[in-house]
C-alpha cells in the first residue's frame, strides 16, 4: 500500500507506514474541560462516526457542577453526550 505525497509541486509515492496505536484517555477538568472534551468528541464523531466504533479513545470529565454543557453540538448532541461512566461529579 502506498500514498502520494506532494511536496513543492512534485509528487512522490511512498509506502504507508503503520504506527503503533495506544489506548488513550482524555481528561477534562471543570466547565472549560467539559466544553473542550465535547468539542473533541464532536470532531471524532464527524470524522470517524459513532464514538462506540472508535474505542481506542476514552474520555473522563471531572467537575463539581453537574450541569450539562452545551457547545453548539446541534444535531450531534445525542451522539456525543457523556455517558454516566465518563462523568465524575463531586
N, C-alpha and C. Protein backbone atom coordinates (compact mmCIF):
# COMPACT_ATOMS: atom_id res chain seq x y z
N UNK A 1 0.84 -1.16 0.00
CA UNK A 1 0.00 0.00 0.00
C UNK A 1 0.89 1.23 0.00
N UNK A 2 0.51 2.26 -0.74
CA UNK A 2 1.32 3.47 -0.79
C UNK A 2 0.42 4.69 -0.81
N UNK A 3 1.04 5.83 -0.62
CA UNK A 3 0.32 7.09 -0.60
C UNK A 3 1.12 8.08 -1.42
N UNK A 4 0.42 8.99 -2.09
CA UNK A 4 1.09 10.01 -2.87
C UNK A 4 1.27 11.25 -2.02
N UNK A 5 2.48 11.73 -1.92
CA UNK A 5 2.79 12.93 -1.15
C UNK A 5 3.28 13.99 -2.14
N UNK A 6 2.69 15.18 -2.06
CA UNK A 6 3.09 16.26 -2.96
C UNK A 6 3.88 17.28 -2.15
N UNK A 7 5.14 17.47 -2.52
CA UNK A 7 5.99 18.44 -1.86
C UNK A 7 6.52 19.40 -2.91
N UNK A 8 6.20 20.68 -2.73
CA UNK A 8 6.64 21.74 -3.65
C UNK A 8 6.32 21.41 -5.10
N UNK A 9 5.10 20.93 -5.33
CA UNK A 9 4.65 20.66 -6.69
C UNK A 9 5.13 19.35 -7.27
N UNK A 10 5.95 18.60 -6.56
CA UNK A 10 6.46 17.33 -7.06
C UNK A 10 5.83 16.18 -6.28
N UNK A 11 5.25 15.25 -6.99
CA UNK A 11 4.58 14.11 -6.34
C UNK A 11 5.55 12.97 -6.12
N UNK A 12 5.50 12.42 -4.92
CA UNK A 12 6.30 11.26 -4.58
C UNK A 12 5.36 10.16 -4.07
N UNK A 13 5.65 8.95 -4.44
CA UNK A 13 4.88 7.82 -3.92
C UNK A 13 5.75 7.13 -2.87
N UNK A 14 5.21 7.11 -1.65
CA UNK A 14 5.93 6.48 -0.55
C UNK A 14 5.03 5.43 0.07
N UNK A 15 5.62 4.34 0.54
CA UNK A 15 4.81 3.31 1.20
C UNK A 15 4.25 3.84 2.52
N UNK A 16 3.01 3.47 2.81
CA UNK A 16 2.41 3.85 4.08
C UNK A 16 3.05 3.04 5.20
N UNK A 17 3.27 3.68 6.31
CA UNK A 17 3.85 3.00 7.45
C UNK A 17 2.80 2.90 8.55
N UNK A 18 2.76 1.76 9.19
CA UNK A 18 1.85 1.59 10.31
C UNK A 18 2.49 2.17 11.56
N UNK A 19 1.69 2.90 12.31
CA UNK A 19 2.17 3.46 13.57
C UNK A 19 1.53 2.69 14.71
N UNK A 20 2.28 2.45 15.77
CA UNK A 20 1.67 1.75 16.90
C UNK A 20 0.56 2.61 17.52
N UNK A 21 -0.53 1.98 17.84
CA UNK A 21 -1.68 2.68 18.41
C UNK A 21 -1.80 2.27 19.87
N UNK A 22 -1.95 3.27 20.73
CA UNK A 22 -2.08 3.00 22.16
C UNK A 22 -3.41 3.55 22.64
N UNK A 23 -4.05 2.83 23.56
CA UNK A 23 -5.28 3.37 24.14
C UNK A 23 -5.00 4.71 24.80
N UNK A 24 -5.95 5.63 24.67
CA UNK A 24 -5.77 6.98 25.18
C UNK A 24 -6.98 7.40 25.99
N UNK A 25 -6.75 8.07 27.09
CA UNK A 25 -7.84 8.68 27.85
C UNK A 25 -7.61 10.18 27.88
N UNK A 26 -8.64 10.92 27.53
CA UNK A 26 -8.57 12.38 27.53
C UNK A 26 -9.40 12.85 28.72
N UNK A 27 -8.78 13.62 29.60
CA UNK A 27 -9.43 14.06 30.83
C UNK A 27 -9.67 15.56 30.77
N UNK A 28 -10.90 15.96 31.08
CA UNK A 28 -11.26 17.37 31.17
C UNK A 28 -11.66 17.69 32.60
N UNK A 29 -11.15 18.80 33.13
CA UNK A 29 -11.45 19.19 34.50
C UNK A 29 -12.18 20.53 34.48
N UNK A 30 -13.32 20.57 35.17
CA UNK A 30 -14.09 21.81 35.28
C UNK A 30 -14.95 22.05 34.05
N UNK A 31 -15.60 23.20 34.06
CA UNK A 31 -16.51 23.56 32.97
C UNK A 31 -15.81 23.69 31.63
N UNK A 32 -14.67 24.36 31.62
CA UNK A 32 -13.92 24.52 30.36
C UNK A 32 -13.42 23.18 29.86
N UNK A 33 -12.97 22.33 30.79
CA UNK A 33 -12.51 20.99 30.40
C UNK A 33 -13.63 20.18 29.78
N UNK A 34 -14.86 20.30 30.34
CA UNK A 34 -16.01 19.60 29.76
C UNK A 34 -16.35 20.12 28.38
N UNK A 35 -16.28 21.45 28.20
CA UNK A 35 -16.54 22.03 26.88
C UNK A 35 -15.54 21.52 25.85
N UNK A 36 -14.28 21.50 26.23
CA UNK A 36 -13.24 21.05 25.31
C UNK A 36 -13.42 19.57 24.97
N UNK A 37 -13.76 18.75 25.97
CA UNK A 37 -14.00 17.33 25.70
C UNK A 37 -15.14 17.14 24.71
N UNK A 38 -16.22 17.90 24.88
CA UNK A 38 -17.34 17.78 23.95
C UNK A 38 -16.95 18.18 22.53
N UNK A 39 -16.12 19.20 22.42
CA UNK A 39 -15.66 19.62 21.08
C UNK A 39 -14.79 18.53 20.44
N UNK A 40 -13.92 17.92 21.26
CA UNK A 40 -13.07 16.83 20.75
C UNK A 40 -13.94 15.65 20.35
N UNK A 41 -14.94 15.29 21.18
CA UNK A 41 -15.84 14.18 20.87
C UNK A 41 -16.59 14.45 19.56
N UNK A 42 -17.02 15.70 19.38
CA UNK A 42 -17.74 16.07 18.15
C UNK A 42 -16.84 15.88 16.93
N UNK A 43 -15.58 16.30 17.05
CA UNK A 43 -14.65 16.12 15.92
C UNK A 43 -14.43 14.66 15.60
N UNK A 44 -14.25 13.82 16.63
CA UNK A 44 -14.10 12.38 16.40
C UNK A 44 -15.35 11.82 15.74
N UNK A 45 -16.54 12.24 16.20
CA UNK A 45 -17.78 11.75 15.63
C UNK A 45 -17.91 12.16 14.16
N UNK A 46 -17.58 13.39 13.85
CA UNK A 46 -17.67 13.87 12.47
C UNK A 46 -16.69 13.14 11.55
N UNK A 47 -15.53 12.79 12.07
CA UNK A 47 -14.51 12.14 11.23
C UNK A 47 -14.65 10.63 11.16
N UNK A 48 -14.97 9.98 12.30
CA UNK A 48 -14.94 8.52 12.36
C UNK A 48 -16.31 7.87 12.58
N UNK A 49 -17.34 8.66 12.82
CA UNK A 49 -18.67 8.09 13.06
C UNK A 49 -18.92 7.90 14.54
N UNK A 50 -19.84 7.00 14.89
CA UNK A 50 -20.20 6.82 16.30
C UNK A 50 -18.98 6.55 17.18
N UNK A 51 -18.98 7.18 18.35
CA UNK A 51 -17.84 7.04 19.26
C UNK A 51 -17.64 5.61 19.71
N UNK A 52 -18.70 4.82 19.70
CA UNK A 52 -18.57 3.41 20.08
C UNK A 52 -17.75 2.63 19.06
N UNK A 53 -17.63 3.15 17.84
CA UNK A 53 -16.85 2.49 16.80
C UNK A 53 -15.37 2.88 16.87
N UNK A 54 -15.03 3.75 17.82
CA UNK A 54 -13.64 4.21 17.98
C UNK A 54 -13.24 4.05 19.44
N UNK A 55 -13.16 2.80 19.93
CA UNK A 55 -12.95 2.55 21.36
C UNK A 55 -11.53 2.79 21.86
N UNK A 56 -10.61 3.15 21.00
CA UNK A 56 -9.23 3.35 21.43
C UNK A 56 -9.08 4.63 22.26
N UNK A 57 -10.07 5.54 22.15
CA UNK A 57 -10.04 6.79 22.91
C UNK A 57 -11.18 6.79 23.92
N UNK A 58 -10.83 7.09 25.18
CA UNK A 58 -11.83 7.21 26.25
C UNK A 58 -11.79 8.63 26.79
N UNK A 59 -12.86 9.02 27.44
CA UNK A 59 -12.98 10.38 27.96
C UNK A 59 -13.39 10.33 29.41
N UNK A 60 -12.91 11.30 30.21
CA UNK A 60 -13.33 11.44 31.59
C UNK A 60 -13.46 12.93 31.88
N UNK A 61 -14.65 13.31 32.34
CA UNK A 61 -14.92 14.70 32.70
C UNK A 61 -15.11 14.76 34.20
N UNK A 62 -14.30 15.58 34.88
CA UNK A 62 -14.38 15.75 36.33
C UNK A 62 -14.81 17.19 36.61
N UNK A 63 -15.89 17.33 37.40
CA UNK A 63 -16.41 18.67 37.68
C UNK A 63 -17.19 18.65 38.99
N UNK A 64 -17.29 19.81 39.62
CA UNK A 64 -18.11 19.94 40.83
C UNK A 64 -19.51 20.44 40.49
N UNK A 65 -19.71 20.88 39.27
CA UNK A 65 -21.02 21.35 38.80
C UNK A 65 -21.60 20.29 37.87
N UNK A 66 -22.73 19.72 38.24
CA UNK A 66 -23.32 18.62 37.47
C UNK A 66 -24.12 19.10 36.26
N UNK A 67 -24.11 20.39 35.96
CA UNK A 67 -24.86 20.91 34.82
C UNK A 67 -24.22 20.46 33.51
N UNK A 68 -25.03 19.93 32.61
CA UNK A 68 -24.52 19.50 31.31
C UNK A 68 -24.07 20.71 30.49
N UNK A 69 -23.08 20.52 29.69
CA UNK A 69 -22.53 21.60 28.87
C UNK A 69 -23.17 21.60 27.48
N UNK A 70 -23.28 22.79 26.90
CA UNK A 70 -23.80 22.95 25.54
C UNK A 70 -22.75 23.69 24.74
N UNK A 71 -22.25 23.06 23.69
CA UNK A 71 -21.21 23.68 22.87
C UNK A 71 -21.66 23.84 21.43
N UNK A 72 -22.95 23.95 21.24
CA UNK A 72 -23.45 24.11 19.87
C UNK A 72 -23.33 22.84 19.06
N UNK A 73 -23.46 21.70 19.71
CA UNK A 73 -23.32 20.42 19.02
C UNK A 73 -24.50 20.16 18.08
N UNK A 74 -25.61 20.86 18.32
CA UNK A 74 -26.76 20.74 17.44
C UNK A 74 -27.26 19.32 17.28
N UNK A 75 -27.33 18.85 16.04
CA UNK A 75 -27.89 17.53 15.76
C UNK A 75 -27.01 16.40 16.30
N UNK A 76 -25.77 16.69 16.67
CA UNK A 76 -24.88 15.66 17.19
C UNK A 76 -24.99 15.47 18.70
N UNK A 77 -25.77 16.30 19.38
CA UNK A 77 -25.80 16.30 20.84
C UNK A 77 -26.02 14.90 21.42
N UNK A 78 -26.97 14.14 20.88
CA UNK A 78 -27.23 12.80 21.40
C UNK A 78 -26.05 11.85 21.17
N UNK A 79 -25.34 12.02 20.07
CA UNK A 79 -24.25 11.11 19.75
C UNK A 79 -22.98 11.39 20.54
N UNK A 80 -22.79 12.64 20.99
CA UNK A 80 -21.53 12.97 21.68
C UNK A 80 -21.71 13.21 23.17
N UNK A 81 -22.93 13.08 23.68
CA UNK A 81 -23.17 13.30 25.11
C UNK A 81 -22.36 12.32 25.95
N UNK A 82 -21.94 12.77 27.12
CA UNK A 82 -21.18 11.91 28.02
C UNK A 82 -22.08 10.81 28.57
N UNK A 83 -21.52 9.62 28.71
CA UNK A 83 -22.24 8.53 29.37
C UNK A 83 -21.98 8.68 30.88
N UNK A 84 -22.80 8.04 31.72
CA UNK A 84 -22.56 8.13 33.18
C UNK A 84 -21.16 7.67 33.58
N UNK A 85 -20.59 6.72 32.88
CA UNK A 85 -19.25 6.23 33.21
C UNK A 85 -18.15 7.22 32.85
N UNK A 86 -18.48 8.24 32.06
CA UNK A 86 -17.48 9.21 31.63
C UNK A 86 -17.52 10.50 32.44
N UNK A 87 -18.42 10.58 33.42
CA UNK A 87 -18.55 11.79 34.24
C UNK A 87 -18.28 11.46 35.71
N UNK A 88 -17.57 12.34 36.37
CA UNK A 88 -17.36 12.25 37.81
C UNK A 88 -17.69 13.61 38.39
N UNK A 89 -18.85 13.70 39.01
CA UNK A 89 -19.30 14.95 39.60
C UNK A 89 -19.16 14.84 41.12
N UNK A 90 -18.33 15.71 41.69
CA UNK A 90 -18.07 15.63 43.13
C UNK A 90 -18.64 16.81 43.86
